[in-house]
Protein backbone atom coordinates (compact mmCIF):
# COMPACT_ATOMS: atom_id res chain seq x y z
CA MET A 1 14.86 -7.54 -30.34
CA ARG A 2 12.45 -5.87 -27.90
CA MET A 3 12.06 -9.07 -25.85
CA SER A 4 15.85 -9.47 -25.78
CA ARG A 5 16.20 -5.96 -24.33
CA LEU A 6 13.53 -6.69 -21.73
CA ARG A 7 15.24 -9.90 -20.71
CA ARG A 8 18.55 -8.11 -20.31
CA ALA A 9 16.93 -5.35 -18.25
CA LEU A 10 15.23 -7.79 -15.89
CA LEU A 11 18.29 -9.99 -15.51
CA SER A 12 20.40 -6.90 -14.82
CA THR A 13 17.97 -5.92 -12.07
CA LEU A 14 18.17 -9.41 -10.58
CA VAL A 15 21.96 -9.30 -10.52
CA THR A 16 21.88 -5.89 -8.85
CA ALA A 17 19.40 -7.17 -6.28
CA SER A 18 21.47 -10.25 -5.52
CA VAL A 19 24.45 -8.03 -4.71
CA ALA A 20 22.65 -5.15 -2.99
CA GLY A 21 20.15 -7.29 -1.11
CA PRO A 22 22.53 -8.79 1.46
CA VAL A 23 24.17 -5.41 2.07
CA ALA A 24 20.84 -3.66 2.58
CA GLY A 25 19.57 -6.56 4.67
CA ALA A 26 22.17 -5.94 7.36
CA ALA A 27 20.45 -2.69 8.26
CA ARG A 28 16.89 -3.70 7.48
CA PRO A 29 14.24 -2.86 10.10
CA GLU A 30 13.31 -6.53 10.57
CA ALA A 31 16.45 -6.89 12.68
CA VAL A 32 14.81 -4.84 15.47
CA ARG A 33 13.38 -7.04 18.20
CA ALA A 34 9.73 -6.73 19.19
CA PRO A 35 7.26 -8.80 21.20
CA ALA A 36 4.34 -10.62 19.61
CA PRO A 37 1.21 -8.46 19.87
CA PRO A 38 -1.85 -9.78 21.72
CA ALA A 39 -4.57 -11.45 19.66
CA LEU A 40 -7.46 -9.10 18.88
CA ALA A 41 -11.01 -10.15 18.14
CA PRO A 42 -12.55 -8.76 14.91
CA LEU A 43 -14.45 -5.50 15.31
CA ARG A 44 -18.09 -6.21 14.49
CA TRP A 45 -19.32 -2.64 14.91
CA PHE A 46 -17.52 0.67 14.58
CA THR A 47 -19.12 2.27 17.60
CA PRO A 48 -17.12 4.94 19.45
CA ALA A 49 -16.78 2.63 22.46
CA ALA A 50 -15.62 -0.38 20.42
CA LEU A 51 -13.11 1.71 18.50
CA ALA A 52 -11.78 3.35 21.66
CA GLY A 53 -11.16 -0.09 23.14
CA ARG A 54 -9.31 -1.26 20.04
CA TYR A 55 -7.20 1.90 19.87
CA ALA A 56 -6.24 1.52 23.55
CA ALA A 57 -5.27 -2.14 23.15
CA THR A 58 -3.14 -1.38 20.10
CA ARG A 59 -1.50 1.56 21.88
CA ASP A 60 -0.44 -0.83 24.65
CA ALA A 61 1.14 -3.11 22.03
CA ILE A 62 3.05 -0.17 20.53
CA ARG A 63 4.34 0.86 23.95
CA ALA A 64 5.48 -2.71 24.67
CA ALA A 65 7.39 -2.78 21.38
CA GLY A 66 8.92 0.58 22.24
CA ARG A 67 10.20 -0.72 25.57
CA THR A 68 11.74 -3.73 23.84
CA ALA A 69 13.44 -1.57 21.22
CA ALA A 70 14.83 0.78 23.88
CA ALA A 71 16.13 -2.14 25.96
CA HIS A 72 18.08 -3.42 22.95
CA GLY A 73 19.53 -0.02 22.06
CA ASP A 74 17.40 0.56 18.96
CA ARG A 75 16.95 4.24 19.67
CA TRP A 76 15.53 5.24 16.30
CA ARG A 77 12.77 2.61 16.48
CA ALA A 78 12.06 3.45 20.14
CA ALA A 79 11.60 7.12 19.25
CA MET A 80 9.29 6.25 16.36
CA LEU A 81 7.18 4.05 18.61
CA ARG A 82 6.89 6.72 21.28
CA ALA A 83 5.42 9.02 18.64
CA MET A 84 3.07 6.29 17.40
CA ALA A 85 1.81 5.67 20.95
CA ASP A 86 0.54 9.26 21.24
CA PRO A 87 -3.07 9.04 22.54
CA ALA A 88 -4.21 11.28 19.67
CA ARG A 89 -3.29 8.58 17.14
CA ARG A 90 -5.55 5.64 16.32
CA PHE A 91 -4.36 2.22 15.24
CA LEU A 92 -6.52 -0.80 14.47
CA PHE A 93 -3.54 -3.13 14.39
CA PHE A 94 0.17 -3.15 15.21
CA ASP A 95 2.97 -5.71 15.07
CA GLY A 96 6.55 -4.55 15.54
CA ARG A 97 8.18 -7.73 14.24
CA ASP A 98 9.79 -8.28 10.81
CA GLY A 99 10.02 -4.61 9.88
CA GLY A 100 6.64 -3.85 11.36
CA ARG A 101 2.99 -3.78 10.41
CA ALA A 102 0.54 -1.06 11.32
CA VAL A 103 -2.98 -0.06 10.36
CA GLU A 104 -3.65 3.59 11.23
CA VAL A 105 -6.93 5.50 10.98
CA PHE A 106 -7.15 9.11 9.81
CA GLY A 107 -10.62 10.51 10.36
CA ASP A 108 -13.67 9.36 12.33
CA LEU A 109 -14.27 5.75 11.39
CA ALA A 110 -17.48 5.59 13.42
CA GLN A 111 -19.05 8.25 11.16
CA ALA A 112 -17.32 7.44 7.87
CA GLU A 113 -19.37 7.47 4.69
CA ARG A 114 -16.23 7.03 2.53
CA ILE A 115 -13.36 4.77 3.53
CA VAL A 116 -10.10 4.69 1.57
CA VAL A 117 -7.59 1.91 2.25
CA LEU A 118 -4.13 3.16 1.27
CA VAL A 119 -1.81 0.24 0.45
CA PRO A 120 1.88 1.27 0.32
CA GLY A 121 4.69 -0.18 -1.75
CA SER A 122 8.25 -1.38 -1.37
CA ASP A 123 10.53 -0.27 1.45
CA THR A 124 7.63 0.88 3.63
CA ASN A 125 8.22 -0.13 7.24
CA LEU A 126 8.10 1.35 10.74
CA ASP A 127 11.40 3.18 10.29
CA LYS A 128 10.12 4.86 7.10
CA TYR A 129 6.51 5.17 8.19
CA GLY A 130 6.38 8.98 7.91
CA LEU A 131 5.84 8.95 4.13
CA LEU A 132 2.77 6.72 4.42
CA ARG A 133 1.39 8.75 7.31
CA GLY A 134 1.97 12.09 5.58
CA GLY A 135 0.23 10.98 2.41
CA ALA A 136 -2.74 9.56 4.29
CA MET A 137 -3.15 12.75 6.31
CA ARG A 138 -3.04 14.98 3.23
CA LEU A 139 -5.55 12.82 1.39
CA GLN A 140 -7.97 12.81 4.33
CA GLN A 141 -7.74 16.59 4.61
CA VAL A 142 -8.57 17.03 0.93
CA LEU A 143 -11.44 14.53 1.07
CA GLY A 144 -12.82 16.11 4.24
CA GLY A 145 -16.36 15.52 5.45
CA ARG A 146 -17.21 12.03 6.57
CA SER A 147 -14.16 10.48 4.92
CA THR A 148 -11.66 8.20 6.59
CA VAL A 149 -8.31 7.15 5.18
CA ILE A 150 -6.68 4.03 6.57
CA GLY A 151 -2.96 3.51 6.08
CA TRP A 152 -2.72 -0.27 5.67
CA LEU A 153 0.84 -1.43 6.26
CA GLY A 154 -0.46 -4.94 6.72
CA TYR A 155 2.29 -6.91 5.01
CA GLU A 156 6.05 -7.31 4.82
CA THR A 157 6.98 -5.09 1.91
CA PRO A 158 9.86 -6.01 -0.40
CA SER A 159 13.02 -4.00 -0.69
CA THR A 160 13.34 -1.99 -3.88
CA VAL A 161 16.79 -3.56 -4.38
CA SER A 162 15.66 -7.17 -4.09
CA ALA A 163 14.45 -9.89 -6.41
CA ASP A 164 11.17 -9.97 -4.43
CA VAL A 165 10.05 -6.65 -5.93
CA LEU A 166 10.04 -8.26 -9.40
CA THR A 167 7.66 -11.08 -8.48
CA THR A 168 4.17 -11.40 -7.01
CA GLY A 169 5.36 -13.55 -4.10
CA ARG A 170 5.05 -10.96 -1.31
CA ALA A 171 1.74 -9.78 -2.76
CA ASP A 172 0.35 -13.32 -2.89
CA ARG A 173 1.10 -13.69 0.81
CA ALA A 174 -0.37 -10.26 1.63
CA ALA A 175 -3.58 -10.51 -0.39
CA PRO A 176 -5.59 -12.71 2.03
CA ALA A 177 -4.98 -10.24 4.88
CA LEU A 178 -6.04 -7.25 2.76
CA ARG A 179 -9.11 -9.12 1.56
CA ALA A 180 -10.10 -10.03 5.12
CA PHE A 181 -9.54 -6.46 6.33
CA VAL A 182 -11.75 -4.93 3.64
CA ARG A 183 -14.50 -7.43 4.36
CA GLU A 184 -14.29 -6.57 8.06
CA LEU A 185 -14.66 -2.89 7.19
CA ALA A 186 -17.70 -3.58 5.01
CA ALA A 187 -19.38 -5.66 7.70
CA ALA A 188 -18.70 -3.18 10.50
CA ARG A 189 -19.61 -0.08 8.49
CA PRO A 190 -22.32 -1.20 6.03
CA GLY A 191 -23.25 1.39 3.44
CA ALA A 192 -19.87 3.11 3.43
CA ARG A 193 -18.17 3.55 0.06
CA ILE A 194 -14.88 1.63 0.29
CA SER A 195 -12.03 2.13 -2.17
CA LEU A 196 -8.45 0.90 -2.50
CA LEU A 197 -5.62 3.32 -3.27
CA CYS A 198 -2.57 1.30 -4.21
CA HIS A 199 0.92 2.75 -4.63
CA SER A 200 3.86 1.08 -6.36
CA TYR A 201 4.24 -2.56 -5.21
CA GLY A 202 1.04 -2.04 -3.20
CA SER A 203 -0.78 -2.19 -6.54
CA VAL A 204 0.41 -5.80 -6.90
CA VAL A 205 -1.11 -6.56 -3.50
CA CYS A 206 -4.38 -4.94 -4.56
CA GLY A 207 -4.34 -6.83 -7.84
CA ARG A 208 -3.92 -10.17 -6.09
CA ALA A 209 -6.68 -9.30 -3.57
CA ALA A 210 -9.15 -7.81 -6.05
CA SER A 211 -11.10 -10.90 -7.12
CA GLY A 212 -14.63 -10.73 -5.70
CA LEU A 213 -13.79 -7.86 -3.34
CA ASP A 214 -16.73 -5.47 -2.84
CA VAL A 215 -15.06 -2.08 -3.33
CA ALA A 216 -16.14 0.88 -5.44
CA ASP A 217 -12.76 1.80 -6.92
CA ILE A 218 -9.25 0.42 -7.20
CA VAL A 219 -6.84 3.27 -7.91
CA LEU A 220 -3.33 2.33 -9.06
CA ILE A 221 -0.60 4.97 -8.76
CA GLY A 222 3.07 4.62 -9.65
CA SER A 223 2.45 1.02 -10.63
CA ALA A 224 4.88 -1.13 -12.60
CA GLY A 225 2.15 -3.77 -13.00
CA VAL A 226 -0.28 -5.79 -10.93
CA GLY A 227 0.61 -9.32 -11.99
CA ALA A 228 -2.19 -9.42 -14.57
CA ASP A 229 -2.44 -8.72 -18.29
CA ASP A 230 -5.59 -6.61 -18.14
CA VAL A 231 -8.43 -5.38 -15.95
CA GLY A 232 -10.57 -8.40 -16.83
CA ALA A 233 -8.01 -10.71 -15.23
CA LEU A 234 -8.59 -8.99 -11.87
CA HIS A 235 -12.16 -10.35 -11.71
CA THR A 236 -13.50 -7.27 -9.99
CA ARG A 237 -16.66 -5.18 -10.33
CA ALA A 238 -14.77 -2.13 -9.07
CA THR A 239 -13.83 0.67 -11.43
CA VAL A 240 -10.07 0.36 -11.97
CA TRP A 241 -8.13 3.61 -12.39
CA ALA A 242 -4.45 4.17 -13.14
CA GLY A 243 -2.22 7.22 -12.97
CA LEU A 244 1.48 7.68 -13.66
CA SER A 245 3.31 10.94 -13.00
CA GLY A 246 5.64 12.33 -15.65
CA GLY A 247 8.63 12.28 -13.29
CA ASP A 248 8.09 8.75 -11.97
CA TRP A 249 10.95 6.35 -12.77
CA VAL A 250 8.40 3.53 -12.97
CA GLY A 251 7.59 4.80 -16.45
CA ASP A 252 10.91 3.33 -17.64
CA VAL A 253 10.38 -0.14 -16.14
CA PRO A 254 10.00 -2.95 -18.73
CA HIS A 255 6.53 -4.53 -18.76
CA THR A 256 6.77 -8.26 -19.31
CA ARG A 257 6.69 -11.56 -17.42
CA LEU A 258 9.45 -14.09 -17.83
CA GLY A 259 9.35 -17.69 -16.67
CA LEU A 260 12.76 -18.41 -15.15
CA PRO A 261 13.78 -21.70 -13.49
CA PHE A 262 13.34 -20.30 -9.96
CA ALA A 263 10.42 -17.89 -10.42
CA THR A 264 8.22 -15.93 -12.79
CA VAL A 265 9.81 -12.48 -12.99
CA GLY A 266 8.02 -9.29 -13.97
CA LEU A 267 4.66 -7.77 -13.09
CA GLY A 268 2.89 -7.87 -16.43
CA ALA A 269 1.15 -5.19 -18.46
CA ASP A 270 1.55 -1.46 -17.93
CA PRO A 271 -1.54 -0.28 -15.99
CA VAL A 272 -1.68 3.00 -17.95
CA SER A 273 -1.52 1.26 -21.34
CA SER A 274 -4.58 1.09 -23.56
CA SER A 275 -4.35 -2.72 -23.63
CA PHE A 276 -4.67 -2.99 -19.84
CA GLY A 277 -8.06 -1.29 -19.86
CA ALA A 278 -7.99 0.90 -16.73
CA ARG A 279 -9.43 4.42 -16.73
CA VAL A 280 -6.31 6.57 -16.96
CA PHE A 281 -6.23 9.92 -15.16
CA ALA A 282 -3.79 12.82 -15.23
CA ALA A 283 -1.21 12.53 -12.44
CA GLY A 284 1.00 15.57 -13.01
CA ASP A 285 4.77 15.60 -13.30
CA GLY A 286 5.89 14.61 -9.80
CA GLY A 287 8.18 11.79 -8.77
CA HIS A 288 7.43 8.29 -7.52
CA SER A 289 6.68 9.42 -3.96
CA ASP A 290 4.76 12.62 -4.85
CA TYR A 291 1.27 11.40 -5.72
CA LEU A 292 -0.24 12.49 -2.40
CA ARG A 293 1.53 15.85 -2.29
CA PRO A 294 -0.48 18.94 -3.31
CA GLY A 295 -0.92 19.00 -7.08
CA THR A 296 -2.73 17.44 -10.02
CA ALA A 297 -2.37 13.85 -8.85
CA LEU A 298 -3.79 14.46 -5.37
CA THR A 299 -6.66 16.55 -6.75
CA ASN A 300 -7.66 13.86 -9.24
CA ILE A 301 -7.24 11.01 -6.75
CA ALA A 302 -9.48 12.80 -4.26
CA GLY A 303 -12.03 13.38 -7.03
CA ILE A 304 -12.11 9.69 -7.92
CA LEU A 305 -12.49 8.63 -4.31
CA SER A 306 -15.33 11.14 -3.87
CA GLY A 307 -17.19 9.71 -6.87
CA ARG A 308 -16.28 12.49 -9.32
CA THR A 309 -14.70 12.02 -12.75
CA PRO A 310 -11.18 13.51 -12.84
CA SER A 311 -9.34 15.03 -15.76
CA ALA A 312 -8.41 12.23 -18.11
CA GLU A 313 -5.18 11.35 -19.83
CA HIS A 314 -4.65 9.27 -22.97
CA PRO A 315 -3.43 5.74 -22.21
CA ARG A 316 -0.09 4.64 -23.56
CA ALA A 317 -0.16 2.80 -26.84
């Protein structure tokens, strides 16, 4: 009976996505034109001079994308890009195509002893970038000291009203880029404590990238699953944490994987369940987008990323 209900719930979501997807797609940010960014060599050292050069080159790419958007009448995107090109902001990477990709640094990367890579979830793109930026800024302020938070919008995120959000496909394509980025960080800033903070569908990306990745912690927030049945299946030496706020709709998502003729649908076990095996922490009563707003969740997340044990919460049965 339970499996029948889960099947109906997933199939209902697929039907909704098949109808809503084309409508939403007409206004999706990937329709905005942008030039291809210049190729950038890997950063081998995070010296002030090397970082300044990278930030300047990326700023030029943002300005070029802004000019293209303005020339095609995309005023909202052009305004966003003007703000992103502010000399006070620091980007390691930018690509305005296909909804946009951006990797922004909050804090002094040249002096960082702790580096947190924040991986966002569905519907994150250049036109909705403010939520990712705001969360990263608040987290860096709470961490303080020699801590750097990097907002890693390094992949094409799925739409919440699409079939893609129910499969690991986008995450499978994103994982190699996240893995390469973390390894570049570790090589350029040896000795720094690197952690992944993964929100919503971003937790699927982290789960697919986790195997063999040298990070201290993988923190899953607002996660409907990571495409694995338990922590052991991630093949990581990192401590895996999971938090789910009381007001997060993800708590009502069915946790199963179904093999359908065209795809495997579902993201697997509930990360805050006892069977999954993560260390579960209290995440307050906020909504799906509130984890990095002031409150219990942000306090405990900052504690984890600083190497402290947060207040615990009993896993789900």
